[in-house]
Amino acid sequence: MSDHERYLAVEIDAQLDDKGDVVERPARLRLVGNVRFAFRLLEKATRGAFRFDPSSEWWASLRKTISVRDRLTHPRLPQDIDVSGEEIVDALKAKAGFEEAVSSYE
């Protein structure tokens, strides 16, 4: 693992202040990238015994669900807070698939 991978794994980023000192701060990571990164680390840690499949149905459902979460968190229009039945089904598929993927290695 690279040093930066270690920092990102604990969600820490760094920058230099005006005095040239390193200042650590929480990393601002996109959720999709962060989840993929976590699975990539799991693949590395297990030397390939665990495999993440980004073409799986649950991953597509998770990506859709994240956009619903974003819409609910930052609504612009009144209808932005409406959640359809299909969006609820996607969220349930995402949850079940994520749990299955994580527990498949245990």
PDB file of N, CA and C in Angstrom:
ATOM      1  N   MET A   1       0.835  -1.191   0.000  1.00  0.00           N
ATOM      2  CA  MET A   1       0.000   0.000   0.000  1.00  0.00           C
ATOM      3  C   MET A   1       0.873   1.244   0.000  1.00  0.00           C
ATOM      4  N   SER A   2       0.486   2.213  -0.755  1.00  0.00           N
ATOM      5  CA  SER A   2       1.233   3.467  -0.761  1.00  0.00           C
ATOM      6  C   SER A   2       0.871   4.294   0.470  1.00  0.00           C
ATOM      7  N   ASP A   3       1.695   5.264   0.777  1.00  0.00           N
ATOM      8  CA  ASP A   3       1.409   6.130   1.924  1.00  0.00           C
ATOM      9  C   ASP A   3       0.074   6.845   1.737  1.00  0.00           C
ATOM     10  N   HIS A   4      -0.167   7.321   0.528  1.00  0.00           N
ATOM     11  CA  HIS A   4      -1.409   8.049   0.313  1.00  0.00           C
ATOM     12  C   HIS A   4      -2.622   7.123   0.429  1.00  0.00           C
ATOM     13  N   GLU A   5      -2.496   5.890   0.003  1.00  0.00           N
ATOM     14  CA  GLU A   5      -3.594   4.932   0.188  1.00  0.00           C
ATOM     15  C   GLU A   5      -3.883   4.744   1.670  1.00  0.00           C
ATOM     16  N   ARG A   6      -2.852   4.694   2.485  1.00  0.00           N
ATOM     17  CA  ARG A   6      -3.052   4.556   3.931  1.00  0.00           C
ATOM     18  C   ARG A   6      -3.809   5.753   4.494  1.00  0.00           C
ATOM     19  N   TYR A   7      -3.420   6.957   4.065  1.00  0.00           N
ATOM     20  CA  TYR A   7      -4.110   8.158   4.536  1.00  0.00           C
ATOM     21  C   TYR A   7      -5.567   8.173   4.073  1.00  0.00           C
ATOM     22  N   LEU A   8      -5.793   7.815   2.825  1.00  0.00           N
ATOM     23  CA  LEU A   8      -7.164   7.809   2.323  1.00  0.00           C
ATOM     24  C   LEU A   8      -8.008   6.729   2.989  1.00  0.00           C
ATOM     25  N   ALA A   9      -7.376   5.637   3.378  1.00  0.00           N
ATOM     26  CA  ALA A   9      -8.111   4.563   4.047  1.00  0.00           C
ATOM     27  C   ALA A   9      -8.701   5.045   5.371  1.00  0.00           C
ATOM     28  N   VAL A  10      -8.041   5.990   6.008  1.00  0.00           N
ATOM     29  CA  VAL A  10      -8.563   6.558   7.264  1.00  0.00           C
ATOM     30  C   VAL A  10      -9.129   7.956   7.021  1.00  0.00           C
ATOM     31  N   GLU A  11      -9.321   8.286   5.746  1.00  0.00           N
ATOM     32  CA  GLU A  11      -9.953   9.523   5.299  1.00  0.00           C
ATOM     33  C   GLU A  11      -9.259  10.781   5.826  1.00  0.00           C
ATOM     34  N   ILE A  12      -7.922  10.795   5.678  1.00  0.00           N
ATOM     35  CA  ILE A  12      -7.129  11.960   6.068  1.00  0.00           C
ATOM     36  C   ILE A  12      -6.431  12.508   4.832  1.00  0.00           C
ATOM     37  N   ASP A  13      -6.480  13.815   4.685  1.00  0.00           N
ATOM     38  CA  ASP A  13      -5.764  14.491   3.618  1.00  0.00           C
ATOM     39  C   ASP A  13      -4.842  15.507   4.276  1.00  0.00           C
ATOM     40  N   ALA A  14      -3.912  16.048   3.534  1.00  0.00           N
ATOM     41  CA  ALA A  14      -2.970  17.009   4.097  1.00  0.00           C
ATOM     42  C   ALA A  14      -2.730  18.127   3.111  1.00  0.00           C
ATOM     43  N   GLN A  15      -2.372  19.257   3.655  1.00  0.00           N
ATOM     44  CA  GLN A  15      -1.976  20.392   2.824  1.00  0.00           C
ATOM     45  C   GLN A  15      -0.958  21.209   3.608  1.00  0.00           C
ATOM     46  N   LEU A  16      -0.307  22.116   2.927  1.00  0.00           N
ATOM     47  CA  LEU A  16       0.673  22.979   3.578  1.00  0.00           C
ATOM     48  C   LEU A  16       0.035  24.320   3.910  1.00  0.00           C
ATOM     49  N   ASP A  17       0.344  24.814   5.121  1.00  0.00           N
ATOM     50  CA  ASP A  17      -0.140  26.149   5.467  1.00  0.00           C
ATOM     51  C   ASP A  17       0.878  27.199   5.024  1.00  0.00           C
ATOM     52  N   ASP A  18       0.611  28.444   5.324  1.00  0.00           N
ATOM     53  CA  ASP A  18       1.491  29.539   4.888  1.00  0.00           C
ATOM     54  C   ASP A  18       2.885  29.468   5.505  1.00  0.00           C
ATOM     55  N   LYS A  19       3.022  28.749   6.609  1.00  0.00           N
ATOM     56  CA  LYS A  19       4.328  28.623   7.270  1.00  0.00           C
ATOM     57  C   LYS A  19       5.111  27.416   6.752  1.00  0.00           C
ATOM     58  N   GLY A  20       4.496  26.663   5.854  1.00  0.00           N
ATOM     59  CA  GLY A  20       5.155  25.472   5.332  1.00  0.00           C
ATOM     60  C   GLY A  20       4.940  24.245   6.184  1.00  0.00           C
ATOM     61  N   ASP A  21       4.051  24.343   7.166  1.00  0.00           N
ATOM     62  CA  ASP A  21       3.738  23.195   8.024  1.00  0.00           C
ATOM     63  C   ASP A  21       2.653  22.341   7.375  1.00  0.00           C
ATOM     64  N   VAL A  22       2.746  21.041   7.603  1.00  0.00           N
ATOM     65  CA  VAL A  22       1.734  20.124   7.112  1.00  0.00           C
ATOM     66  C   VAL A  22       0.537  20.177   8.056  1.00  0.00           C
ATOM     67  N   VAL A  23      -0.619  20.389   7.468  1.00  0.00           N
ATOM     68  CA  VAL A  23      -1.856  20.429   8.239  1.00  0.00           C
ATOM     69  C   VAL A  23      -2.746  19.294   7.746  1.00  0.00           C
ATOM     70  N   GLU A  24      -3.079  18.378   8.645  1.00  0.00           N
ATOM     71  CA  GLU A  24      -3.971  17.279   8.279  1.00  0.00           C
ATOM     72  C   GLU A  24      -5.407  17.742   8.430  1.00  0.00           C
ATOM     73  N   ARG A  25      -6.250  17.217   7.543  1.00  0.00           N
ATOM     74  CA  ARG A  25      -7.672  17.540   7.593  1.00  0.00           C
ATOM     75  C   ARG A  25      -8.438  16.340   7.067  1.00  0.00           C
ATOM     76  N   PRO A  26      -9.726  16.282   7.372  1.00  0.00           N
ATOM     77  CA  PRO A  26     -10.523  15.174   6.832  1.00  0.00           C
ATOM     78  C   PRO A  26     -10.534  15.220   5.301  1.00  0.00           C
ATOM     79  N   ALA A  27     -10.370  14.079   4.693  1.00  0.00           N
ATOM     80  CA  ALA A  27     -10.402  13.996   3.233  1.00  0.00           C
ATOM     81  C   ALA A  27     -11.848  14.146   2.771  1.00  0.00           C
ATOM     82  N   ARG A  28     -12.028  14.833   1.670  1.00  0.00           N
ATOM     83  CA  ARG A  28     -13.358  14.998   1.090  1.00  0.00           C
ATOM     84  C   ARG A  28     -13.478  14.003  -0.054  1.00  0.00           C
ATOM     85  N   LEU A  29     -14.012  12.856   0.260  1.00  0.00           N
ATOM     86  CA  LEU A  29     -14.084  11.770  -0.714  1.00  0.00           C
ATOM     87  C   LEU A  29     -15.507  11.605  -1.225  1.00  0.00           C
ATOM     88  N   ARG A  30     -15.639  11.366  -2.521  1.00  0.00           N
ATOM     89  CA  ARG A  30     -16.944  11.039  -3.083  1.00  0.00           C
ATOM     90  C   ARG A  30     -17.313   9.631  -2.612  1.00  0.00           C
ATOM     91  N   LEU A  31     -18.572   9.432  -2.302  1.00  0.00           N
ATOM     92  CA  LEU A  31     -19.015   8.153  -1.752  1.00  0.00           C
ATOM     93  C   LEU A  31     -18.758   6.990  -2.705  1.00  0.00           C
ATOM     94  N   VAL A  32     -19.086   7.150  -3.984  1.00  0.00           N
ATOM     95  CA  VAL A  32     -18.888   6.055  -4.948  1.00  0.00           C
ATOM     96  C   VAL A  32     -17.414   5.667  -5.006  1.00  0.00           C
ATOM     97  N   GLY A  33     -16.539   6.656  -5.151  1.00  0.00           N
ATOM     98  CA  GLY A  33     -15.108   6.375  -5.213  1.00  0.00           C
ATOM     99  C   GLY A  33     -14.584   5.774  -3.928  1.00  0.00           C
ATOM    100  N   ASN A  34     -15.108   6.230  -2.809  1.00  0.00           N
ATOM    101  CA  ASN A  34     -14.654   5.726  -1.515  1.00  0.00           C
ATOM    102  C   ASN A  34     -15.038   4.258  -1.317  1.00  0.00           C
ATOM    103  N   VAL A  35     -16.247   3.904  -1.729  1.00  0.00           N
ATOM    104  CA  VAL A  35     -16.685   2.504  -1.609  1.00  0.00           C
ATOM    105  C   VAL A  35     -15.847   1.622  -2.535  1.00  0.00           C
ATOM    106  N   ARG A  36     -15.621   2.079  -3.774  1.00  0.00           N
ATOM    107  CA  ARG A  36     -14.777   1.303  -4.700  1.00  0.00           C
ATOM    108  C   ARG A  36     -13.366   1.147  -4.143  1.00  0.00           C
ATOM    109  N   PHE A  37     -12.841   2.213  -3.549  1.00  0.00           N
ATOM    110  CA  PHE A  37     -11.511   2.181  -2.946  1.00  0.00           C
ATOM    111  C   PHE A  37     -11.461   1.156  -1.811  1.00  0.00           C
ATOM    112  N   ALA A  38     -12.493   1.128  -0.990  1.00  0.00           N
ATOM    113  CA  ALA A  38     -12.538   0.161   0.116  1.00  0.00           C
ATOM    114  C   ALA A  38     -12.519  -1.271  -0.419  1.00  0.00           C
ATOM    115  N   PHE A  39     -13.279  -1.521  -1.471  1.00  0.00           N
ATOM    116  CA  PHE A  39     -13.272  -2.860  -2.059  1.00  0.00           C
ATOM    117  C   PHE A  39     -11.916  -3.176  -2.693  1.00  0.00           C
ATOM    118  N   ARG A  40     -11.296  -2.176  -3.305  1.00  0.00           N
ATOM    119  CA  ARG A  40      -9.961  -2.397  -3.889  1.00  0.00           C
ATOM    120  C   ARG A  40      -8.958  -2.760  -2.798  1.00  0.00           C
ATOM    121  N   LEU A  41      -9.041  -2.086  -1.650  1.00  0.00           N
ATOM    122  CA  LEU A  41      -8.153  -2.415  -0.529  1.00  0.00           C
ATOM    123  C   LEU A  41      -8.413  -3.827  -0.026  1.00  0.00           C
ATOM    124  N   LEU A  42      -9.690  -4.218  -0.001  1.00  0.00           N
ATOM    125  CA  LEU A  42     -10.023  -5.585   0.418  1.00  0.00           C
ATOM    126  C   LEU A  42      -9.441  -6.596  -0.568  1.00  0.00           C
ATOM    127  N   GLU A  43      -9.495  -6.290  -1.859  1.00  0.00           N
ATOM    128  CA  GLU A  43      -8.894  -7.175  -2.860  1.00  0.00           C
ATOM    129  C   GLU A  43      -7.388  -7.301  -2.637  1.00  0.00           C
ATOM    130  N   LYS A  44      -6.731  -6.162  -2.355  1.00  0.00           N
ATOM    131  CA  LYS A  44      -5.289  -6.195  -2.095  1.00  0.00           C
ATOM    132  C   LYS A  44      -4.981  -6.981  -0.827  1.00  0.00           C
ATOM    133  N   ALA A  45      -5.747  -6.740   0.218  1.00  0.00           N
ATOM    134  CA  ALA A  45      -5.490  -7.386   1.511  1.00  0.00           C
ATOM    135  C   ALA A  45      -5.678  -8.894   1.433  1.00  0.00           C
ATOM    136  N   THR A  46      -6.595  -9.334   0.571  1.00  0.00           N
ATOM    137  CA  THR A  46      -6.858 -10.774   0.456  1.00  0.00           C
ATOM    138  C   THR A  46      -6.107 -11.401  -0.706  1.00  0.00           C
ATOM    139  N   ARG A  47      -5.226 -10.599  -1.328  1.00  0.00           N
ATOM    140  CA  ARG A  47      -4.440 -11.061  -2.483  1.00  0.00           C
ATOM    141  C   ARG A  47      -5.328 -11.686  -3.558  1.00  0.00           C
ATOM    142  N   GLY A  48      -6.471 -11.047  -3.784  1.00  0.00           N
ATOM    143  CA  GLY A  48      -7.367 -11.483  -4.841  1.00  0.00           C
ATOM    144  C   GLY A  48      -8.382 -12.525  -4.440  1.00  0.00           C
ATOM    145  N   ALA A  49      -8.365 -12.969  -3.178  1.00  0.00           N
ATOM    146  CA  ALA A  49      -9.362 -13.954  -2.746  1.00  0.00           C
ATOM    147  C   ALA A  49     -10.757 -13.326  -2.775  1.00  0.00           C
ATOM    148  N   PHE A  50     -10.829 -12.027  -2.532  1.00  0.00           N
ATOM    149  CA  PHE A  50     -12.091 -11.299  -2.650  1.00  0.00           C
ATOM    150  C   PHE A  50     -12.069 -10.565  -3.988  1.00  0.00           C
ATOM    151  N   ARG A  51     -13.148 -10.631  -4.719  1.00  0.00           N
ATOM    152  CA  ARG A  51     -13.245  -9.931  -6.010  1.00  0.00           C
ATOM    153  C   ARG A  51     -14.509  -9.087  -6.016  1.00  0.00           C
ATOM    154  N   PHE A  52     -14.335  -7.819  -6.337  1.00  0.00           N
ATOM    155  CA  PHE A  52     -15.468  -6.910  -6.483  1.00  0.00           C
ATOM    156  C   PHE A  52     -15.913  -6.920  -7.938  1.00  0.00           C
ATOM    157  N   ASP A  53     -17.219  -7.016  -8.167  1.00  0.00           N
ATOM    158  CA  ASP A  53     -17.759  -7.039  -9.526  1.00  0.00           C
ATOM    159  C   ASP A  53     -18.573  -5.770  -9.760  1.00  0.00           C
ATOM    160  N   PRO A  54     -17.978  -4.771 -10.426  1.00  0.00           N
ATOM    161  CA  PRO A  54     -18.701  -3.521 -10.651  1.00  0.00           C
ATOM    162  C   PRO A  54     -19.859  -3.645 -11.650  1.00  0.00           C
ATOM    163  N   SER A  55     -19.992  -4.786 -12.308  1.00  0.00           N
ATOM    164  CA  SER A  55     -21.104  -4.970 -13.230  1.00  0.00           C
ATOM    165  C   SER A  55     -22.311  -5.608 -12.538  1.00  0.00           C
ATOM    166  N   SER A  56     -22.206  -5.857 -11.242  1.00  0.00           N
ATOM    167  CA  SER A  56     -23.311  -6.496 -10.521  1.00  0.00           C
ATOM    168  C   SER A  56     -24.503  -5.551 -10.391  1.00  0.00           C
ATOM    169  N   GLU A  57     -25.667  -6.151 -10.291  1.00  0.00           N
ATOM    170  CA  GLU A  57     -26.911  -5.377 -10.206  1.00  0.00           C
ATOM    171  C   GLU A  57     -26.939  -4.499  -8.954  1.00  0.00           C
ATOM    172  N   TRP A  58     -26.446  -5.016  -7.839  1.00  0.00           N
ATOM    173  CA  TRP A  58     -26.509  -4.243  -6.606  1.00  0.00           C
ATOM    174  C   TRP A  58     -25.652  -2.983  -6.695  1.00  0.00           C
ATOM    175  N   TRP A  59     -24.524  -3.049  -7.427  1.00  0.00           N
ATOM    176  CA  TRP A  59     -23.658  -1.872  -7.549  1.00  0.00           C
ATOM    177  C   TRP A  59     -24.373  -0.771  -8.343  1.00  0.00           C
ATOM    178  N   ALA A  60     -25.041  -1.153  -9.425  1.00  0.00           N
ATOM    179  CA  ALA A  60     -25.819  -0.185 -10.199  1.00  0.00           C
ATOM    180  C   ALA A  60     -26.934   0.408  -9.333  1.00  0.00           C
ATOM    181  N   SER A  61     -27.552  -0.431  -8.526  1.00  0.00           N
ATOM    182  CA  SER A  61     -28.610   0.045  -7.628  1.00  0.00           C
ATOM    183  C   SER A  61     -28.041   1.002  -6.581  1.00  0.00           C
ATOM    184  N   LEU A  62     -26.863   0.694  -6.078  1.00  0.00           N
ATOM    185  CA  LEU A  62     -26.239   1.577  -5.084  1.00  0.00           C
ATOM    186  C   LEU A  62     -25.947   2.946  -5.697  1.00  0.00           C
ATOM    187  N   ARG A  63     -25.436   2.951  -6.906  1.00  0.00           N
ATOM    188  CA  ARG A  63     -25.134   4.234  -7.573  1.00  0.00           C
ATOM    189  C   ARG A  63     -26.403   5.066  -7.755  1.00  0.00           C
ATOM    190  N   LYS A  64     -27.500   4.410  -8.138  1.00  0.00           N
ATOM    191  CA  LYS A  64     -28.774   5.130  -8.272  1.00  0.00           C
ATOM    192  C   LYS A  64     -29.246   5.658  -6.922  1.00  0.00           C
ATOM    193  N   THR A  65     -29.080   4.835  -5.887  1.00  0.00           N
ATOM    194  CA  THR A  65     -29.526   5.205  -4.552  1.00  0.00           C
ATOM    195  C   THR A  65     -28.727   6.396  -4.018  1.00  0.00           C
ATOM    196  N   ILE A  66     -27.462   6.478  -4.355  1.00  0.00           N
ATOM    197  CA  ILE A  66     -26.646   7.612  -3.925  1.00  0.00           C
ATOM    198  C   ILE A  66     -27.182   8.903  -4.527  1.00  0.00           C
ATOM    199  N   SER A  67     -27.626   8.853  -5.776  1.00  0.00           N
ATOM    200  CA  SER A  67     -28.186  10.070  -6.371  1.00  0.00           C
ATOM    201  C   SER A  67     -29.502  10.456  -5.696  1.00  0.00           C
ATOM    202  N   VAL A  68     -30.270   9.466  -5.244  1.00  0.00           N
ATOM    203  CA  VAL A  68     -31.495   9.751  -4.486  1.00  0.00           C
ATOM    204  C   VAL A  68     -31.128  10.401  -3.152  1.00  0.00           C
ATOM    205  N   ARG A  69     -30.125   9.868  -2.488  1.00  0.00           N
ATOM    206  CA  ARG A  69     -29.660  10.458  -1.224  1.00  0.00           C
ATOM    207  C   ARG A  69     -29.232  11.908  -1.428  1.00  0.00           C
ATOM    208  N   ASP A  70     -28.496  12.156  -2.503  1.00  0.00           N
ATOM    209  CA  ASP A  70     -28.062  13.525  -2.800  1.00  0.00           C
ATOM    210  C   ASP A  70     -29.255  14.443  -3.033  1.00  0.00           C
ATOM    211  N   ARG A  71     -30.234  13.940  -3.759  1.00  0.00           N
ATOM    212  CA  ARG A  71     -31.432  14.731  -4.054  1.00  0.00           C
ATOM    213  C   ARG A  71     -32.212  15.040  -2.779  1.00  0.00           C
ATOM    214  N   LEU A  72     -32.311  14.060  -1.881  1.00  0.00           N
ATOM    215  CA  LEU A  72     -33.036  14.275  -0.623  1.00  0.00           C
ATOM    216  C   LEU A  72     -32.280  15.206   0.319  1.00  0.00           C
ATOM    217  N   THR A  73     -30.960  15.113   0.284  1.00  0.00           N
ATOM    218  CA  THR A  73     -30.132  15.940   1.158  1.00  0.00           C
ATOM    219  C   THR A  73     -30.139  17.400   0.717  1.00  0.00           C
ATOM    220  N   HIS A  74     -30.187  17.624  -0.589  1.00  0.00           N
ATOM    221  CA  HIS A  74     -30.133  18.989  -1.137  1.00  0.00           C
ATOM    222  C   HIS A  74     -31.268  19.204  -2.134  1.00  0.00           C
ATOM    223  N   PRO A  75     -32.525  19.190  -1.646  1.00  0.00           N
ATOM    224  CA  PRO A  75     -33.641  19.360  -2.583  1.00  0.00           C
ATOM    225  C   PRO A  75     -33.670  20.772  -3.175  1.00  0.00           C
ATOM    226  N   ARG A  76     -34.006  20.843  -4.442  1.00  0.00           N
ATOM    227  CA  ARG A  76     -34.142  22.146  -5.124  1.00  0.00           C
ATOM    228  C   ARG A  76     -35.603  22.449  -5.418  1.00  0.00           C
ATOM    229  N   LEU A  77     -36.359  21.384  -5.621  1.00  0.00           N
ATOM    230  CA  LEU A  77     -37.781  21.517  -5.934  1.00  0.00           C
ATOM    231  C   LEU A  77     -38.582  20.646  -4.967  1.00  0.00           C
ATOM    232  N   PRO A  78     -39.856  20.975  -4.730  1.00  0.00           N
ATOM    233  CA  PRO A  78     -40.666  20.162  -3.803  1.00  0.00           C
ATOM    234  C   PRO A  78     -40.693  18.676  -4.166  1.00  0.00           C
ATOM    235  N   GLN A  79     -40.727  18.360  -5.465  1.00  0.00           N
ATOM    236  CA  GLN A  79     -40.783  16.946  -5.872  1.00  0.00           C
ATOM    237  C   GLN A  79     -39.474  16.200  -5.621  1.00  0.00           C
ATOM    238  N   ASP A  80     -38.404  16.922  -5.298  1.00  0.00           N
ATOM    239  CA  ASP A  80     -37.122  16.271  -5.011  1.00  0.00           C
ATOM    240  C   ASP A  80     -37.175  15.409  -3.757  1.00  0.00           C
ATOM    241  N   ILE A  81     -38.149  15.653  -2.891  1.00  0.00           N
ATOM    242  CA  ILE A  81     -38.234  14.847  -1.663  1.00  0.00           C
ATOM    243  C   ILE A  81     -39.156  13.635  -1.819  1.00  0.00           C
ATOM    244  N   ASP A  82     -39.722  13.485  -3.006  1.00  0.00           N
ATOM    245  CA  ASP A  82     -40.533  12.302  -3.286  1.00  0.00           C
ATOM    246  C   ASP A  82     -39.615  11.127  -3.623  1.00  0.00           C
ATOM    247  N   VAL A  83     -39.928   9.974  -3.062  1.00  0.00           N
ATOM    248  CA  VAL A  83     -39.157   8.758  -3.324  1.00  0.00           C
ATOM    249  C   VAL A  83     -40.107   7.734  -3.938  1.00  0.00           C
ATOM    250  N   SER A  84     -39.746   7.248  -5.106  1.00  0.00           N
ATOM    251  CA  SER A  84     -40.610   6.292  -5.810  1.00  0.00           C
ATOM    252  C   SER A  84     -40.424   4.879  -5.259  1.00  0.00           C
ATOM    253  N   GLY A  85     -41.353   4.030  -5.593  1.00  0.00           N
ATOM    254  CA  GLY A  85     -41.246   2.625  -5.210  1.00  0.00           C
ATOM    255  C   GLY A  85     -40.022   1.971  -5.818  1.00  0.00           C
ATOM    256  N   GLU A  86     -39.711   2.334  -7.067  1.00  0.00           N
ATOM    257  CA  GLU A  86     -38.528   1.784  -7.740  1.00  0.00           C
ATOM    258  C   GLU A  86     -37.241   2.205  -7.010  1.00  0.00           C
ATOM    259  N   GLU A  87     -37.208   3.435  -6.520  1.00  0.00           N
ATOM    260  CA  GLU A  87     -36.031   3.904  -5.787  1.00  0.00           C
ATOM    261  C   GLU A  87     -35.873   3.165  -4.461  1.00  0.00           C
ATOM    262  N   ILE A  88     -36.973   2.837  -3.830  1.00  0.00           N
ATOM    263  CA  ILE A  88     -36.912   2.061  -2.590  1.00  0.00           C
ATOM    264  C   ILE A  88     -36.415   0.649  -2.880  1.00  0.00           C
ATOM    265  N   VAL A  89     -36.910   0.049  -3.951  1.00  0.00           N
ATOM    266  CA  VAL A  89     -36.450  -1.294  -4.347  1.00  0.00           C
ATOM    267  C   VAL A  89     -34.954  -1.261  -4.650  1.00  0.00           C
ATOM    268  N   ASP A  90     -34.490  -0.220  -5.355  1.00  0.00           N
ATOM    269  CA  ASP A  90     -33.053  -0.091  -5.641  1.00  0.00           C
ATOM    270  C   ASP A  90     -32.248  -0.012  -4.343  1.00  0.00           C
ATOM    271  N   ALA A  91     -32.739   0.742  -3.383  1.00  0.00           N
ATOM    272  CA  ALA A  91     -32.026   0.871  -2.102  1.00  0.00           C
ATOM    273  C   ALA A  91     -31.947  -0.479  -1.390  1.00  0.00           C
ATOM    274  N   LEU A  92     -33.023  -1.233  -1.427  1.00  0.00           N
ATOM    275  CA  LEU A  92     -33.023  -2.552  -0.788  1.00  0.00           C
ATOM    276  C   LEU A  92     -32.084  -3.522  -1.506  1.00  0.00           C
ATOM    277  N   LYS A  93     -32.062  -3.467  -2.851  1.00  0.00           N
ATOM    278  CA  LYS A  93     -31.137  -4.316  -3.621  1.00  0.00           C
ATOM    279  C   LYS A  93     -29.693  -3.941  -3.304  1.00  0.00           C
ATOM    280  N   ALA A  94     -29.436  -2.639  -3.206  1.00  0.00           N
ATOM    281  CA  ALA A  94     -28.080  -2.168  -2.908  1.00  0.00           C
ATOM    282  C   ALA A  94     -27.635  -2.657  -1.533  1.00  0.00           C
ATOM    283  N   LYS A  95     -28.501  -2.533  -0.555  1.00  0.00           N
ATOM    284  CA  LYS A  95     -28.166  -2.969   0.814  1.00  0.00           C
ATOM    285  C   LYS A  95     -27.895  -4.471   0.849  1.00  0.00           C
ATOM    286  N   ALA A  96     -28.786  -5.243   0.254  1.00  0.00           N
ATOM    287  CA  ALA A  96     -28.622  -6.703   0.268  1.00  0.00           C
ATOM    288  C   ALA A  96     -27.357  -7.120  -0.487  1.00  0.00           C
ATOM    289  N   GLY A  97     -27.118  -6.519  -1.632  1.00  0.00           N
ATOM    290  CA  GLY A  97     -25.934  -6.868  -2.416  1.00  0.00           C
ATOM    291  C   GLY A  97     -24.647  -6.484  -1.713  1.00  0.00           C
ATOM    292  N   PHE A  98     -24.632  -5.303  -1.100  1.00  0.00           N
ATOM    293  CA  PHE A  98     -23.445  -4.869  -0.355  1.00  0.00           C
ATOM    294  C   PHE A  98     -23.155  -5.834   0.785  1.00  0.00           C
ATOM    295  N   GLU A  99     -24.175  -6.167   1.551  1.00  0.00           N
ATOM    296  CA  GLU A  99     -23.985  -7.099   2.670  1.00  0.00           C
ATOM    297  C   GLU A  99     -23.507  -8.462   2.186  1.00  0.00           C
ATOM    298  N   GLU A 100     -24.058  -8.927   1.079  1.00  0.00           N
ATOM    299  CA  GLU A 100     -23.637 -10.218   0.537  1.00  0.00           C
ATOM    300  C   GLU A 100     -22.182 -10.163   0.063  1.00  0.00           C
ATOM    301  N   ALA A 101     -21.821  -9.071  -0.605  1.00  0.00           N
ATOM    302  CA  ALA A 101     -20.450  -8.929  -1.096  1.00  0.00           C
ATOM    303  C   ALA A 101     -19.452  -8.913   0.062  1.00  0.00           C
ATOM    304  N   VAL A 102     -19.771  -8.170   1.090  1.00  0.00           N
ATOM    305  CA  VAL A 102     -18.851  -8.071   2.245  1.00  0.00           C
ATOM    306  C   VAL A 102     -18.797  -9.392   3.000  1.00  0.00           C
ATOM    307  N   SER A 103     -19.938 -10.030   3.185  1.00  0.00           N
ATOM    308  CA  SER A 103     -19.938 -11.269   3.959  1.00  0.00           C
ATOM    309  C   SER A 103     -19.424 -12.454   3.145  1.00  0.00           C
ATOM    310  N   SER A 104     -19.318 -12.317   1.824  1.00  0.00           N
ATOM    311  CA  SER A 104     -18.815 -13.426   1.010  1.00  0.00           C
ATOM    312  C   SER A 104     -17.360 -13.746   1.304  1.00  0.00           C
ATOM    313  N   TYR A 105     -16.641 -12.797   1.843  1.00  0.00           N
ATOM    314  CA  TYR A 105     -15.241 -13.049   2.167  1.00  0.00           C
ATOM    315  C   TYR A 105     -15.057 -13.639   3.556  1.00  0.00           C
ATOM    316  N   GLU A 106     -15.943 -13.344   4.464  1.00  0.00           N
ATOM    317  CA  GLU A 106     -15.787 -13.771   5.866  1.00  0.00           C
ATOM    318  C   GLU A 106     -15.483 -15.206   6.020  1.00  0.00           C
TER     319      GLU A 106
END
